[in-house]
Amino acid sequence: MKWKIAALLVLVALPGAVAAAWLALPLLVDLSAIPVPLETLQLATALQSTLLVLAAAFLGASAAPRVGVSAPAISAIAGGGGVLDAWRPQLVPGCIGGCIGAVVIVAFYAFAPEPLRAVQPEAPLPLTVRVLYGGITEEVLMRWGLMTAIAWLGWRILQRDAQRPSAALMWAAIAVSALVFGLLHLPAVAQSLPALSASVVAYTTIGNALFGVVAGYLFWRYGLEAAIVAHVSAHVLAFLIHA
């Protein structure tokens, strides 16, 4: 059944990859500076994201049962079980995480260092991209794929005699995957600034990693869908507040 779960997660995550390539990319790159047609760059970006989604979905499906994390609702769909019963325990924690995430996002913009404030785009990314890519695709990539892989590697290297990774090891996986999540936001910032100062690097990394910790905890304790609910609702609430 794990391959059914992986296939379903690919289907869930791919719309975000397409939305990011076709709706976000034109807003993030200097079209006059790219040597290829925009459509070619969009196709390449979508293909790259698709390959990453495939890798994350199937890697996570293989490793998740071994480290004690899951996607309960997706698993219920794959196994023909009660989907609503699988969703219900995740909704309240996910919504609470979304409120925390919205505060983090709004505060990130409100207290940004001057160099970051100066380059904040007049036209923010469409809500469609924030929800589909940020809320869903990123969770499949960063939590289901990366965090699960880190936990599995740490378990196999450091705790192979244990039946499951310890809580300390899971917290380490949450922290490392959240840090990577934060670092992956730097290329977009670097494209907008002539140089990256230490303060901008630290602010961007830590600001984005904070929500990564929240989402990672929700994934560990409740399931992937709780992290997705948190990420989606955080972007929707932040959009309504900050736009």
Protein backbone atom coordinates (compact mmCIF):
# COMPACT_ATOMS: atom_id res chain seq x y z
CA MET A 1 0.00 0.00 0.00
CA LYS A 2 2.93 2.34 0.52
CA TRP A 3 3.32 2.84 -3.23
CA LYS A 4 -0.34 3.82 -3.49
CA ILE A 5 0.30 6.39 -0.77
CA ALA A 6 3.32 7.69 -2.69
CA ALA A 7 1.34 7.93 -5.93
CA LEU A 8 -1.48 9.82 -4.19
CA LEU A 9 1.01 12.25 -2.66
CA VAL A 10 2.52 12.88 -6.09
CA LEU A 11 -0.94 13.71 -7.42
CA VAL A 12 -1.59 16.01 -4.47
CA ALA A 13 1.75 17.83 -4.79
CA LEU A 14 2.06 18.24 -8.56
CA PRO A 15 -0.49 21.08 -8.95
CA GLY A 16 1.70 23.21 -6.70
CA ALA A 17 4.78 22.51 -8.82
CA VAL A 18 2.89 23.58 -11.95
CA ALA A 19 1.45 26.67 -10.24
CA ALA A 20 4.87 27.76 -9.03
CA ALA A 21 6.40 27.38 -12.48
CA TRP A 22 3.65 29.12 -14.42
CA LEU A 23 2.34 31.72 -11.96
CA ALA A 24 5.25 32.53 -9.66
CA LEU A 25 8.32 32.26 -11.88
CA PRO A 26 7.46 35.27 -14.10
CA LEU A 27 7.23 37.40 -10.94
CA LEU A 28 10.54 36.19 -9.51
CA VAL A 29 12.96 36.39 -12.47
CA ASP A 30 14.23 39.27 -14.55
CA LEU A 31 12.80 38.30 -17.91
CA SER A 32 15.24 40.54 -19.76
CA ALA A 33 18.19 38.71 -18.23
CA ILE A 34 17.30 35.11 -19.05
CA PRO A 35 18.85 33.71 -22.25
CA VAL A 36 15.98 31.30 -22.99
CA PRO A 37 12.25 31.80 -23.59
CA LEU A 38 10.21 32.06 -20.42
CA GLU A 39 8.14 29.02 -21.44
CA THR A 40 11.30 26.91 -21.64
CA LEU A 41 12.37 28.00 -18.16
CA GLN A 42 8.89 27.31 -16.81
CA LEU A 43 8.87 23.82 -18.31
CA ALA A 44 12.32 23.06 -16.89
CA THR A 45 11.30 24.35 -13.47
CA ALA A 46 8.11 22.29 -13.46
CA LEU A 47 10.05 19.19 -14.53
CA GLN A 48 12.64 19.71 -11.79
CA SER A 49 9.91 20.14 -9.17
CA THR A 50 8.13 17.04 -10.47
CA LEU A 51 11.27 14.94 -10.09
CA LEU A 52 11.78 16.23 -6.55
CA VAL A 53 8.16 15.46 -5.69
CA LEU A 54 8.51 11.92 -7.05
CA ALA A 55 11.66 11.33 -5.03
CA ALA A 56 10.17 12.78 -1.83
CA ALA A 57 6.87 10.91 -2.17
CA PHE A 58 8.40 7.49 -2.75
CA LEU A 59 11.28 7.96 -0.29
CA GLY A 60 8.87 9.07 2.40
CA ALA A 61 6.48 6.21 1.68
CA SER A 62 9.31 3.74 2.19
CA ALA A 63 10.80 5.28 5.33
CA ALA A 64 7.77 6.75 7.13
CA PRO A 65 6.44 3.51 8.68
CA ARG A 66 9.91 2.72 10.00
CA VAL A 67 10.28 6.00 11.89
CA GLY A 68 6.70 6.35 13.10
CA VAL A 69 5.32 9.15 10.93
CA SER A 70 2.36 8.94 8.58
CA ALA A 71 -0.19 10.57 6.30
CA PRO A 72 -3.37 9.18 7.88
CA ALA A 73 -5.94 10.61 5.46
CA ILE A 74 -3.92 9.68 2.37
CA SER A 75 -3.38 6.22 3.85
CA ALA A 76 -7.12 5.89 4.42
CA ILE A 77 -7.80 6.76 0.79
CA ALA A 78 -5.18 4.26 -0.37
CA GLY A 79 -6.58 1.52 1.86
CA GLY A 80 -10.26 2.26 1.48
CA GLY A 81 -10.65 3.28 5.12
CA GLY A 82 -12.52 6.10 6.86
CA VAL A 83 -11.03 9.31 5.48
CA LEU A 84 -13.03 11.63 7.74
CA ASP A 85 -12.01 9.64 10.81
CA ALA A 86 -8.38 10.03 9.73
CA TRP A 87 -8.76 13.78 9.10
CA ARG A 88 -10.64 14.67 12.26
CA PRO A 89 -7.81 14.39 14.83
CA GLN A 90 -5.56 16.52 12.63
CA LEU A 91 -7.84 19.49 11.99
CA VAL A 92 -7.66 21.32 15.32
CA PRO A 93 -3.87 20.94 15.74
CA GLY A 94 -3.45 21.97 12.10
CA CYS A 95 -5.58 25.08 12.54
CA ILE A 96 -3.70 26.04 15.71
CA GLY A 97 -0.44 25.59 13.81
CA GLY A 98 -1.86 27.72 11.00
CA CYS A 99 -2.58 30.59 13.42
CA ILE A 100 0.98 30.36 14.73
CA GLY A 101 2.29 30.25 11.17
CA ALA A 102 0.26 33.31 10.16
CA VAL A 103 1.75 35.26 13.07
CA VAL A 104 5.24 34.18 11.97
CA ILE A 105 4.62 35.22 8.34
CA VAL A 106 3.11 38.61 9.23
CA ALA A 107 5.87 39.31 11.76
CA PHE A 108 8.49 38.29 9.19
CA TYR A 109 7.37 41.10 6.89
CA ALA A 110 6.68 43.60 9.69
CA PHE A 111 10.11 43.35 11.30
CA ALA A 112 12.22 42.66 8.22
CA PRO A 113 15.64 44.38 8.03
CA GLU A 114 15.73 47.45 5.81
CA PRO A 115 17.41 45.69 2.83
CA LEU A 116 14.59 43.14 2.77
CA ARG A 117 11.89 45.77 3.13
CA ALA A 118 13.31 47.68 0.19
CA VAL A 119 12.96 44.71 -2.16
CA GLN A 120 9.61 43.35 -1.02
CA PRO A 121 7.62 42.90 -4.23
CA GLU A 122 4.75 45.28 -4.94
CA ALA A 123 2.81 42.31 -6.39
CA PRO A 124 3.10 39.39 -3.92
CA LEU A 125 2.85 35.83 -5.07
CA PRO A 126 -0.71 34.78 -5.94
CA LEU A 127 -2.59 33.04 -3.16
CA THR A 128 -2.96 30.03 -5.48
CA VAL A 129 0.81 29.55 -5.45
CA ARG A 130 1.10 30.08 -1.72
CA VAL A 131 -1.58 27.48 -1.01
CA LEU A 132 -0.75 24.85 -3.63
CA TYR A 133 3.04 25.07 -3.60
CA GLY A 134 3.79 26.52 -0.18
CA GLY A 135 1.01 24.74 1.66
CA ILE A 136 1.03 21.33 -0.02
CA THR A 137 4.04 20.73 -2.28
CA GLU A 138 6.53 22.05 0.26
CA GLU A 139 5.11 19.79 2.96
CA VAL A 140 5.47 16.73 0.74
CA LEU A 141 9.05 17.77 -0.07
CA MET A 142 10.27 19.03 3.30
CA ARG A 143 8.35 17.00 5.86
CA TRP A 144 7.30 13.80 4.10
CA GLY A 145 10.52 13.54 2.09
CA LEU A 146 13.38 15.35 3.83
CA MET A 147 12.41 15.15 7.50
CA THR A 148 11.50 11.48 7.21
CA ALA A 149 14.78 10.71 5.43
CA ILE A 150 16.79 12.53 8.11
CA ALA A 151 15.00 10.66 10.88
CA TRP A 152 15.55 7.34 9.12
CA LEU A 153 19.26 8.01 8.53
CA GLY A 154 19.79 9.14 12.12
CA TRP A 155 17.98 6.05 13.37
CA ARG A 156 19.99 3.67 11.19
CA ILE A 157 23.32 5.30 12.07
CA LEU A 158 22.85 6.20 15.74
CA GLN A 159 20.03 4.04 17.09
CA ARG A 160 19.83 0.94 14.94
CA ASP A 161 19.15 -1.27 17.96
CA ALA A 162 16.03 0.73 18.84
CA GLN A 163 12.66 -0.17 17.36
CA ARG A 164 11.95 3.48 16.49
CA PRO A 165 13.93 6.74 16.58
CA SER A 166 13.93 8.41 19.98
CA ALA A 167 12.11 11.69 20.66
CA ALA A 168 15.47 13.49 20.71
CA LEU A 169 16.32 12.15 17.27
CA MET A 170 12.91 13.18 15.91
CA TRP A 171 13.41 16.69 17.28
CA ALA A 172 16.79 16.77 15.57
CA ALA A 173 15.14 15.74 12.28
CA ILE A 174 12.54 18.48 12.76
CA ALA A 175 15.24 21.07 13.45
CA VAL A 176 17.51 20.08 10.56
CA SER A 177 14.68 19.92 8.01
CA ALA A 178 13.36 23.27 9.27
CA LEU A 179 16.83 24.80 8.89
CA VAL A 180 17.10 23.47 5.34
CA PHE A 181 13.61 24.86 4.68
CA GLY A 182 14.83 28.26 5.84
CA LEU A 183 18.04 28.13 3.80
CA LEU A 184 16.13 27.25 0.63
CA HIS A 185 14.46 30.67 0.77
CA LEU A 186 17.82 32.42 0.37
CA PRO A 187 18.20 32.10 -3.44
CA ALA A 188 15.03 34.13 -4.04
CA VAL A 189 16.27 36.80 -1.63
CA ALA A 190 19.74 36.80 -3.18
CA GLN A 191 18.22 37.43 -6.59
CA SER A 192 16.68 40.65 -5.30
CA LEU A 193 19.70 42.04 -3.46
CA PRO A 194 23.17 43.07 -4.66
CA ALA A 195 24.70 41.17 -1.72
CA LEU A 196 23.53 39.03 1.16
CA SER A 197 24.53 40.39 4.55
CA ALA A 198 24.85 38.13 7.56
CA SER A 199 21.80 39.74 9.15
CA VAL A 200 19.65 39.11 6.07
CA VAL A 201 20.83 35.48 5.85
CA ALA A 202 20.10 34.89 9.54
CA TYR A 203 16.74 36.67 9.45
CA THR A 204 15.53 34.87 6.33
CA THR A 205 16.73 31.46 7.48
CA ILE A 206 15.46 31.65 11.05
CA GLY A 207 12.21 33.38 10.08
CA ASN A 208 11.28 30.59 7.69
CA ALA A 209 12.69 27.83 9.89
CA LEU A 210 10.39 28.81 12.77
CA PHE A 211 7.34 27.61 10.89
CA GLY A 212 9.29 24.56 9.74
CA VAL A 213 9.57 23.54 13.39
CA VAL A 214 5.81 23.94 13.89
CA ALA A 215 5.00 21.94 10.75
CA GLY A 216 7.56 19.27 11.61
CA TYR A 217 6.09 18.79 15.07
CA LEU A 218 2.57 18.50 13.64
CA PHE A 219 3.76 15.95 11.10
CA TRP A 220 5.46 13.88 13.77
CA ARG A 221 2.68 13.94 16.34
CA TYR A 222 -0.47 14.07 14.20
CA GLY A 223 0.30 13.36 10.55
CA LEU A 224 1.27 15.00 7.29
CA GLU A 225 -2.22 16.40 6.74
CA ALA A 226 -1.98 18.36 10.01
CA ALA A 227 1.16 20.04 8.69
CA ILE A 228 -0.56 20.73 5.37
CA VAL A 229 -3.62 22.24 7.10
CA ALA A 230 -1.30 24.44 9.15
CA HIS A 231 0.72 25.58 6.14
CA VAL A 232 -2.33 26.26 3.97
CA SER A 233 -4.25 28.12 6.68
CA ALA A 234 -1.14 30.11 7.63
CA HIS A 235 -0.84 31.42 4.08
CA VAL A 236 -4.57 32.16 3.81
CA LEU A 237 -4.65 34.02 7.13
CA ALA A 238 -1.44 35.90 6.36
CA PHE A 239 -2.83 36.85 2.93
CA LEU A 240 -6.00 38.23 4.53
CA ILE A 241 -3.95 40.23 7.05
CA HIS A 242 -0.94 41.28 4.98
CA ALA A 243 -1.91 40.51 1.34
